[in-house]
Amino acid sequence: MDRYLDDLEKRYGGIDNVVVWPSYPNLGIDNRNQLDMILAIAGGVAGVRGMVADFHRRGVKVYLPINMWTRARAIRAGPGLTPWPT
């Protein structure tokens, strides 16, 4: 993360925000829903939390867009997760 952000700082003066959008353009390719795709990010929930913490440590806001209008095939709860309302 530091190497990536250092490079952006050097080339462009840094960034304020980053969008992590794992469901685009993959949603609909297979039977995974958008939560499945977030969970498929390297390291799962812990990896996503670590990534967000790394960005925050450098003052970068993180956006994880979700499509609230889609109906997931299954809403699961797991460690560190709360089930989404259906």
PDB file of N, CA and C in Angstrom:
ATOM      1  N   MET A   1       0.833  -1.182   0.000  1.00  0.00           N
ATOM      2  CA  MET A   1       0.000   0.000   0.000  1.00  0.00           C
ATOM      3  C   MET A   1       0.877   1.245   0.000  1.00  0.00           C
ATOM      4  N   ASP A   2       1.877   1.249   0.847  1.00  0.00           N
ATOM      5  CA  ASP A   2       2.729   2.434   0.917  1.00  0.00           C
ATOM      6  C   ASP A   2       3.427   2.694  -0.410  1.00  0.00           C
ATOM      7  N   ARG A   3       3.901   1.632  -1.055  1.00  0.00           N
ATOM      8  CA  ARG A   3       4.564   1.805  -2.348  1.00  0.00           C
ATOM      9  C   ARG A   3       3.611   2.408  -3.388  1.00  0.00           C
ATOM     10  N   TYR A   4       2.375   1.895  -3.400  1.00  0.00           N
ATOM     11  CA  TYR A   4       1.353   2.402  -4.325  1.00  0.00           C
ATOM     12  C   TYR A   4       1.054   3.882  -4.047  1.00  0.00           C
ATOM     13  N   LEU A   5       0.805   4.201  -2.787  1.00  0.00           N
ATOM     14  CA  LEU A   5       0.476   5.587  -2.434  1.00  0.00           C
ATOM     15  C   LEU A   5       1.667   6.521  -2.606  1.00  0.00           C
ATOM     16  N   ASP A   6       2.878   6.025  -2.331  1.00  0.00           N
ATOM     17  CA  ASP A   6       4.079   6.836  -2.564  1.00  0.00           C
ATOM     18  C   ASP A   6       4.223   7.168  -4.046  1.00  0.00           C
ATOM     19  N   ASP A   7       3.946   6.180  -4.913  1.00  0.00           N
ATOM     20  CA  ASP A   7       4.018   6.405  -6.354  1.00  0.00           C
ATOM     21  C   ASP A   7       2.999   7.451  -6.798  1.00  0.00           C
ATOM     22  N   LEU A   8       1.771   7.336  -6.281  1.00  0.00           N
ATOM     23  CA  LEU A   8       0.743   8.325  -6.629  1.00  0.00           C
ATOM     24  C   LEU A   8       1.113   9.712  -6.128  1.00  0.00           C
ATOM     25  N   GLU A   9       1.721   9.771  -4.964  1.00  0.00           N
ATOM     26  CA  GLU A   9       2.174  11.057  -4.411  1.00  0.00           C
ATOM     27  C   GLU A   9       3.235  11.674  -5.318  1.00  0.00           C
ATOM     28  N   LYS A  10       4.173  10.850  -5.749  1.00  0.00           N
ATOM     29  CA  LYS A  10       5.263  11.323  -6.594  1.00  0.00           C
ATOM     30  C   LYS A  10       4.757  11.788  -7.965  1.00  0.00           C
ATOM     31  N   ARG A  11       3.842  11.002  -8.559  1.00  0.00           N
ATOM     32  CA  ARG A  11       3.374  11.311  -9.910  1.00  0.00           C
ATOM     33  C   ARG A  11       2.318  12.405  -9.970  1.00  0.00           C
ATOM     34  N   TYR A  12       1.377  12.365  -9.009  1.00  0.00           N
ATOM     35  CA  TYR A  12       0.206  13.235  -9.120  1.00  0.00           C
ATOM     36  C   TYR A  12      -0.032  14.133  -7.904  1.00  0.00           C
ATOM     37  N   GLY A  13       0.826  14.033  -6.912  1.00  0.00           N
ATOM     38  CA  GLY A  13       0.605  14.811  -5.704  1.00  0.00           C
ATOM     39  C   GLY A  13      -0.284  14.102  -4.698  1.00  0.00           C
ATOM     40  N   GLY A  14      -0.575  12.815  -4.939  1.00  0.00           N
ATOM     41  CA  GLY A  14      -1.362  12.017  -4.001  1.00  0.00           C
ATOM     42  C   GLY A  14      -2.830  11.931  -4.385  1.00  0.00           C
ATOM     43  N   ILE A  15      -3.571  11.200  -3.588  1.00  0.00           N
ATOM     44  CA  ILE A  15      -5.014  11.056  -3.793  1.00  0.00           C
ATOM     45  C   ILE A  15      -5.719  11.286  -2.467  1.00  0.00           C
ATOM     46  N   ASP A  16      -6.977  11.680  -2.554  1.00  0.00           N
ATOM     47  CA  ASP A  16      -7.795  11.892  -1.364  1.00  0.00           C
ATOM     48  C   ASP A  16      -8.725  10.721  -1.106  1.00  0.00           C
ATOM     49  N   ASN A  17      -9.158  10.056  -2.197  1.00  0.00           N
ATOM     50  CA  ASN A  17     -10.168   9.008  -2.112  1.00  0.00           C
ATOM     51  C   ASN A  17      -9.800   7.867  -3.060  1.00  0.00           C
ATOM     52  N   VAL A  18     -10.325   6.693  -2.739  1.00  0.00           N
ATOM     53  CA  VAL A  18     -10.174   5.549  -3.629  1.00  0.00           C
ATOM     54  C   VAL A  18     -11.496   4.783  -3.630  1.00  0.00           C
ATOM     55  N   VAL A  19     -11.884   4.269  -4.798  1.00  0.00           N
ATOM     56  CA  VAL A  19     -13.080   3.453  -4.926  1.00  0.00           C
ATOM     57  C   VAL A  19     -12.640   2.017  -5.157  1.00  0.00           C
ATOM     58  N   VAL A  20     -13.075   1.127  -4.290  1.00  0.00           N
ATOM     59  CA  VAL A  20     -12.827  -0.307  -4.443  1.00  0.00           C
ATOM     60  C   VAL A  20     -14.166  -0.911  -4.828  1.00  0.00           C
ATOM     61  N   TRP A  21     -14.282  -1.330  -6.088  1.00  0.00           N
ATOM     62  CA  TRP A  21     -15.566  -1.750  -6.629  1.00  0.00           C
ATOM     63  C   TRP A  21     -15.434  -3.153  -7.208  1.00  0.00           C
ATOM     64  N   PRO A  22     -15.402  -4.168  -6.352  1.00  0.00           N
ATOM     65  CA  PRO A  22     -15.138  -5.528  -6.840  1.00  0.00           C
ATOM     66  C   PRO A  22     -16.249  -6.120  -7.696  1.00  0.00           C
ATOM     67  N   SER A  23     -17.456  -5.583  -7.614  1.00  0.00           N
ATOM     68  CA  SER A  23     -18.541  -6.172  -8.402  1.00  0.00           C
ATOM     69  C   SER A  23     -18.594  -5.642  -9.831  1.00  0.00           C
ATOM     70  N   TYR A  24     -17.894  -4.549 -10.126  1.00  0.00           N
ATOM     71  CA  TYR A  24     -17.913  -4.011 -11.480  1.00  0.00           C
ATOM     72  C   TYR A  24     -16.651  -4.443 -12.199  1.00  0.00           C
ATOM     73  N   PRO A  25     -16.690  -5.001 -13.345  1.00  0.00           N
ATOM     74  CA  PRO A  25     -17.814  -5.346 -14.215  1.00  0.00           C
ATOM     75  C   PRO A  25     -18.232  -6.805 -14.062  1.00  0.00           C
ATOM     76  N   ASN A  26     -17.931  -7.411 -12.932  1.00  0.00           N
ATOM     77  CA  ASN A  26     -18.116  -8.853 -12.760  1.00  0.00           C
ATOM     78  C   ASN A  26     -19.526  -9.296 -12.389  1.00  0.00           C
ATOM     79  N   LEU A  27     -20.330  -8.407 -11.842  1.00  0.00           N
ATOM     80  CA  LEU A  27     -21.661  -8.795 -11.380  1.00  0.00           C
ATOM     81  C   LEU A  27     -22.480  -9.342 -12.546  1.00  0.00           C
ATOM     82  N   GLY A  28     -23.018 -10.544 -12.377  1.00  0.00           N
ATOM     83  CA  GLY A  28     -23.813 -11.171 -13.417  1.00  0.00           C
ATOM     84  C   GLY A  28     -23.044 -12.183 -14.252  1.00  0.00           C
ATOM     85  N   ILE A  29     -21.732 -12.217 -14.126  1.00  0.00           N
ATOM     86  CA  ILE A  29     -20.922 -13.175 -14.879  1.00  0.00           C
ATOM     87  C   ILE A  29     -21.151 -14.591 -14.348  1.00  0.00           C
ATOM     88  N   ASP A  30     -21.302 -14.701 -13.058  1.00  0.00           N
ATOM     89  CA  ASP A  30     -21.561 -15.994 -12.435  1.00  0.00           C
ATOM     90  C   ASP A  30     -22.618 -15.802 -11.351  1.00  0.00           C
ATOM     91  N   ASN A  31     -22.771 -16.775 -10.474  1.00  0.00           N
ATOM     92  CA  ASN A  31     -23.856 -16.685  -9.495  1.00  0.00           C
ATOM     93  C   ASN A  31     -23.462 -15.980  -8.203  1.00  0.00           C
ATOM     94  N   ARG A  32     -22.292 -15.356  -8.163  1.00  0.00           N
ATOM     95  CA  ARG A  32     -21.897 -14.626  -6.959  1.00  0.00           C
ATOM     96  C   ARG A  32     -22.640 -13.298  -6.882  1.00  0.00           C
ATOM     97  N   ASN A  33     -22.934 -12.883  -5.650  1.00  0.00           N
ATOM     98  CA  ASN A  33     -23.537 -11.565  -5.466  1.00  0.00           C
ATOM     99  C   ASN A  33     -22.440 -10.582  -5.074  1.00  0.00           C
ATOM    100  N   GLN A  34     -22.833  -9.328  -4.885  1.00  0.00           N
ATOM    101  CA  GLN A  34     -21.822  -8.305  -4.618  1.00  0.00           C
ATOM    102  C   GLN A  34     -21.111  -8.520  -3.283  1.00  0.00           C
ATOM    103  N   LEU A  35     -21.781  -9.079  -2.285  1.00  0.00           N
ATOM    104  CA  LEU A  35     -21.116  -9.379  -1.026  1.00  0.00           C
ATOM    105  C   LEU A  35     -20.078 -10.479  -1.223  1.00  0.00           C
ATOM    106  N   ASP A  36     -20.406 -11.496  -2.015  1.00  0.00           N
ATOM    107  CA  ASP A  36     -19.433 -12.549  -2.324  1.00  0.00           C
ATOM    108  C   ASP A  36     -18.168 -11.945  -2.933  1.00  0.00           C
ATOM    109  N   MET A  37     -18.352 -10.968  -3.798  1.00  0.00           N
ATOM    110  CA  MET A  37     -17.199 -10.370  -4.475  1.00  0.00           C
ATOM    111  C   MET A  37     -16.358  -9.529  -3.526  1.00  0.00           C
ATOM    112  N   ILE A  38     -16.988  -8.877  -2.578  1.00  0.00           N
ATOM    113  CA  ILE A  38     -16.225  -8.156  -1.557  1.00  0.00           C
ATOM    114  C   ILE A  38     -15.442  -9.152  -0.702  1.00  0.00           C
ATOM    115  N   LEU A  39     -16.098 -10.257  -0.348  1.00  0.00           N
ATOM    116  CA  LEU A  39     -15.436 -11.277   0.465  1.00  0.00           C
ATOM    117  C   LEU A  39     -14.307 -11.979  -0.280  1.00  0.00           C
ATOM    118  N   ALA A  40     -14.338 -11.943  -1.628  1.00  0.00           N
ATOM    119  CA  ALA A  40     -13.303 -12.580  -2.432  1.00  0.00           C
ATOM    120  C   ALA A  40     -12.038 -11.742  -2.538  1.00  0.00           C
ATOM    121  N   ILE A  41     -12.082 -10.506  -2.050  1.00  0.00           N
ATOM    122  CA  ILE A  41     -10.871  -9.676  -2.029  1.00  0.00           C
ATOM    123  C   ILE A  41      -9.853 -10.395  -1.153  1.00  0.00           C
ATOM    124  N   ALA A  42      -8.595 -10.359  -1.562  1.00  0.00           N
ATOM    125  CA  ALA A  42      -7.537 -11.079  -0.846  1.00  0.00           C
ATOM    126  C   ALA A  42      -7.601 -10.847   0.655  1.00  0.00           C
ATOM    127  N   GLY A  43      -7.671 -11.907   1.408  1.00  0.00           N
ATOM    128  CA  GLY A  43      -7.705 -11.824   2.858  1.00  0.00           C
ATOM    129  C   GLY A  43      -9.095 -11.778   3.451  1.00  0.00           C
ATOM    130  N   GLY A  44     -10.143 -11.752   2.599  1.00  0.00           N
ATOM    131  CA  GLY A  44     -11.519 -11.730   3.099  1.00  0.00           C
ATOM    132  C   GLY A  44     -11.806 -10.483   3.910  1.00  0.00           C
ATOM    133  N   VAL A  45     -12.639 -10.625   4.929  1.00  0.00           N
ATOM    134  CA  VAL A  45     -13.033  -9.476   5.748  1.00  0.00           C
ATOM    135  C   VAL A  45     -11.817  -8.837   6.415  1.00  0.00           C
ATOM    136  N   ALA A  46     -10.937  -9.660   6.953  1.00  0.00           N
ATOM    137  CA  ALA A  46      -9.739  -9.119   7.606  1.00  0.00           C
ATOM    138  C   ALA A  46      -8.867  -8.361   6.607  1.00  0.00           C
ATOM    139  N   GLY A  47      -8.756  -8.879   5.393  1.00  0.00           N
ATOM    140  CA  GLY A  47      -7.972  -8.212   4.359  1.00  0.00           C
ATOM    141  C   GLY A  47      -8.571  -6.872   3.959  1.00  0.00           C
ATOM    142  N   VAL A  48      -9.905  -6.839   3.825  1.00  0.00           N
ATOM    143  CA  VAL A  48     -10.573  -5.577   3.481  1.00  0.00           C
ATOM    144  C   VAL A  48     -10.383  -4.563   4.602  1.00  0.00           C
ATOM    145  N   ARG A  49     -10.561  -5.016   5.834  1.00  0.00           N
ATOM    146  CA  ARG A  49     -10.360  -4.098   6.971  1.00  0.00           C
ATOM    147  C   ARG A  49      -8.932  -3.573   7.012  1.00  0.00           C
ATOM    148  N   GLY A  50      -7.971  -4.450   6.762  1.00  0.00           N
ATOM    149  CA  GLY A  50      -6.571  -4.035   6.757  1.00  0.00           C
ATOM    150  C   GLY A  50      -6.282  -3.032   5.640  1.00  0.00           C
ATOM    151  N   MET A  51      -6.856  -3.300   4.445  1.00  0.00           N
ATOM    152  CA  MET A  51      -6.671  -2.388   3.319  1.00  0.00           C
ATOM    153  C   MET A  51      -7.233  -1.010   3.653  1.00  0.00           C
ATOM    154  N   VAL A  52      -8.446  -0.985   4.203  1.00  0.00           N
ATOM    155  CA  VAL A  52      -9.077   0.289   4.566  1.00  0.00           C
ATOM    156  C   VAL A  52      -8.242   1.004   5.630  1.00  0.00           C
ATOM    157  N   ALA A  53      -7.765   0.256   6.623  1.00  0.00           N
ATOM    158  CA  ALA A  53      -6.932   0.859   7.674  1.00  0.00           C
ATOM    159  C   ALA A  53      -5.654   1.451   7.087  1.00  0.00           C
ATOM    160  N   ASP A  54      -5.042   0.737   6.121  1.00  0.00           N
ATOM    161  CA  ASP A  54      -3.826   1.252   5.485  1.00  0.00           C
ATOM    162  C   ASP A  54      -4.102   2.551   4.739  1.00  0.00           C
ATOM    163  N   PHE A  55      -5.195   2.593   3.995  1.00  0.00           N
ATOM    164  CA  PHE A  55      -5.550   3.835   3.298  1.00  0.00           C
ATOM    165  C   PHE A  55      -5.830   4.948   4.306  1.00  0.00           C
ATOM    166  N   HIS A  56      -6.597   4.645   5.340  1.00  0.00           N
ATOM    167  CA  HIS A  56      -6.931   5.666   6.346  1.00  0.00           C
ATOM    168  C   HIS A  56      -5.678   6.194   7.038  1.00  0.00           C
ATOM    169  N   ARG A  57      -4.733   5.321   7.288  1.00  0.00           N
ATOM    170  CA  ARG A  57      -3.484   5.733   7.934  1.00  0.00           C
ATOM    171  C   ARG A  57      -2.772   6.809   7.114  1.00  0.00           C
ATOM    172  N   ARG A  58      -2.971   6.755   5.798  1.00  0.00           N
ATOM    173  CA  ARG A  58      -2.353   7.741   4.911  1.00  0.00           C
ATOM    174  C   ARG A  58      -3.313   8.878   4.556  1.00  0.00           C
ATOM    175  N   GLY A  59      -4.474   8.927   5.230  1.00  0.00           N
ATOM    176  CA  GLY A  59      -5.415  10.017   5.021  1.00  0.00           C
ATOM    177  C   GLY A  59      -6.281   9.869   3.773  1.00  0.00           C
ATOM    178  N   VAL A  60      -6.402   8.659   3.243  1.00  0.00           N
ATOM    179  CA  VAL A  60      -7.188   8.401   2.034  1.00  0.00           C
ATOM    180  C   VAL A  60      -8.521   7.776   2.432  1.00  0.00           C
ATOM    181  N   LYS A  61      -9.618   8.371   1.976  1.00  0.00           N
ATOM    182  CA  LYS A  61     -10.952   7.815   2.226  1.00  0.00           C
ATOM    183  C   LYS A  61     -11.198   6.668   1.254  1.00  0.00           C
ATOM    184  N   VAL A  62     -11.923   5.644   1.716  1.00  0.00           N
ATOM    185  CA  VAL A  62     -12.201   4.458   0.904  1.00  0.00           C
ATOM    186  C   VAL A  62     -13.703   4.328   0.706  1.00  0.00           C
ATOM    187  N   TYR A  63     -14.111   4.110  -0.536  1.00  0.00           N
ATOM    188  CA  TYR A  63     -15.509   3.883  -0.866  1.00  0.00           C
ATOM    189  C   TYR A  63     -15.664   2.472  -1.413  1.00  0.00           C
ATOM    190  N   LEU A  64     -16.615   1.738  -0.843  1.00  0.00           N
ATOM    191  CA  LEU A  64     -16.977   0.399  -1.320  1.00  0.00           C
ATOM    192  C   LEU A  64     -18.419   0.479  -1.791  1.00  0.00           C
ATOM    193  N   PRO A  65     -18.653   0.819  -3.059  1.00  0.00           N
ATOM    194  CA  PRO A  65     -20.026   0.979  -3.520  1.00  0.00           C
ATOM    195  C   PRO A  65     -20.768  -0.349  -3.562  1.00  0.00           C
ATOM    196  N   ILE A  66     -22.037  -0.293  -3.211  1.00  0.00           N
ATOM    197  CA  ILE A  66     -22.904  -1.461  -3.310  1.00  0.00           C
ATOM    198  C   ILE A  66     -24.192  -1.039  -3.994  1.00  0.00           C
ATOM    199  N   ASN A  67     -24.830  -1.982  -4.607  1.00  0.00           N
ATOM    200  CA  ASN A  67     -26.094  -1.730  -5.295  1.00  0.00           C
ATOM    201  C   ASN A  67     -27.220  -2.188  -4.378  1.00  0.00           C
ATOM    202  N   MET A  68     -27.802  -1.262  -3.666  1.00  0.00           N
ATOM    203  CA  MET A  68     -28.846  -1.630  -2.699  1.00  0.00           C
ATOM    204  C   MET A  68     -30.110  -2.151  -3.376  1.00  0.00           C
ATOM    205  N   TRP A  69     -30.270  -1.891  -4.660  1.00  0.00           N
ATOM    206  CA  TRP A  69     -31.486  -2.324  -5.345  1.00  0.00           C
ATOM    207  C   TRP A  69     -31.402  -3.767  -5.816  1.00  0.00           C
ATOM    208  N   THR A  70     -30.221  -4.375  -5.776  1.00  0.00           N
ATOM    209  CA  THR A  70     -30.136  -5.770  -6.205  1.00  0.00           C
ATOM    210  C   THR A  70     -30.576  -6.688  -5.084  1.00  0.00           C
ATOM    211  N   ARG A  71     -31.145  -7.795  -5.454  1.00  0.00           N
ATOM    212  CA  ARG A  71     -31.574  -8.786  -4.470  1.00  0.00           C
ATOM    213  C   ARG A  71     -30.559  -9.917  -4.486  1.00  0.00           C
ATOM    214  N   ALA A  72     -29.847 -10.039  -3.416  1.00  0.00           N
ATOM    215  CA  ALA A  72     -28.823 -11.084  -3.329  1.00  0.00           C
ATOM    216  C   ALA A  72     -29.489 -12.455  -3.241  1.00  0.00           C
ATOM    217  N   ARG A  73     -28.828 -13.456  -3.817  1.00  0.00           N
ATOM    218  CA  ARG A  73     -29.391 -14.804  -3.764  1.00  0.00           C
ATOM    219  C   ARG A  73     -29.327 -15.377  -2.355  1.00  0.00           C
ATOM    220  N   ALA A  74     -28.373 -14.943  -1.589  1.00  0.00           N
ATOM    221  CA  ALA A  74     -28.259 -15.392  -0.202  1.00  0.00           C
ATOM    222  C   ALA A  74     -27.510 -14.328   0.585  1.00  0.00           C
ATOM    223  N   ILE A  75     -28.041 -13.964   1.698  1.00  0.00           N
ATOM    224  CA  ILE A  75     -27.383 -12.995   2.566  1.00  0.00           C
ATOM    225  C   ILE A  75     -26.824 -13.778   3.756  1.00  0.00           C
ATOM    226  N   ARG A  76     -25.542 -13.702   3.922  1.00  0.00           N
ATOM    227  CA  ARG A  76     -24.901 -14.474   4.976  1.00  0.00           C
ATOM    228  C   ARG A  76     -24.293 -13.558   6.024  1.00  0.00           C
ATOM    229  N   ALA A  77     -24.252 -14.039   7.212  1.00  0.00           N
ATOM    230  CA  ALA A  77     -23.509 -13.350   8.270  1.00  0.00           C
ATOM    231  C   ALA A  77     -22.318 -14.245   8.611  1.00  0.00           C
ATOM    232  N   GLY A  78     -21.249 -13.639   8.970  1.00  0.00           N
ATOM    233  CA  GLY A  78     -20.066 -14.390   9.351  1.00  0.00           C
ATOM    234  C   GLY A  78     -19.281 -13.554  10.330  1.00  0.00           C
ATOM    235  N   PRO A  79     -18.075 -13.975  10.661  1.00  0.00           N
ATOM    236  CA  PRO A  79     -17.266 -13.208  11.602  1.00  0.00           C
ATOM    237  C   PRO A  79     -17.077 -11.775  11.121  1.00  0.00           C
ATOM    238  N   GLY A  80     -17.504 -10.840  11.918  1.00  0.00           N
ATOM    239  CA  GLY A  80     -17.340  -9.442  11.588  1.00  0.00           C
ATOM    240  C   GLY A  80     -18.360  -8.900  10.605  1.00  0.00           C
ATOM    241  N   LEU A  81     -19.357  -9.689  10.249  1.00  0.00           N
ATOM    242  CA  LEU A  81     -20.369  -9.266   9.280  1.00  0.00           C
ATOM    243  C   LEU A  81     -21.734  -9.224   9.930  1.00  0.00           C
ATOM    244  N   THR A  82     -22.572  -8.330   9.461  1.00  0.00           N
ATOM    245  CA  THR A  82     -23.972  -8.339   9.854  1.00  0.00           C
ATOM    246  C   THR A  82     -24.766  -8.643   8.607  1.00  0.00           C
ATOM    247  N   PRO A  83     -25.835  -9.414   8.713  1.00  0.00           N
ATOM    248  CA  PRO A  83     -26.609  -9.715   7.512  1.00  0.00           C
ATOM    249  C   PRO A  83     -27.278  -8.464   6.962  1.00  0.00           C
ATOM    250  N   TRP A  84     -27.325  -8.369   5.646  1.00  0.00           N
ATOM    251  CA  TRP A  84     -28.000  -7.252   4.992  1.00  0.00           C
ATOM    252  C   TRP A  84     -29.489  -7.502   5.029  1.00  0.00           C
ATOM    253  N   PRO A  85     -30.287  -6.456   5.168  1.00  0.00           N
ATOM    254  CA  PRO A  85     -31.746  -6.654   5.126  1.00  0.00           C
ATOM    255  C   PRO A  85     -32.185  -7.059   3.713  1.00  0.00           C
ATOM    256  N   THR A  86     -33.217  -7.866   3.627  1.00  0.00           N
ATOM    257  CA  THR A  86     -33.719  -8.280   2.301  1.00  0.00           C
ATOM    258  C   THR A  86     -35.042  -7.619   2.036  1.00  0.00           C
TER     259      THR A  86
END
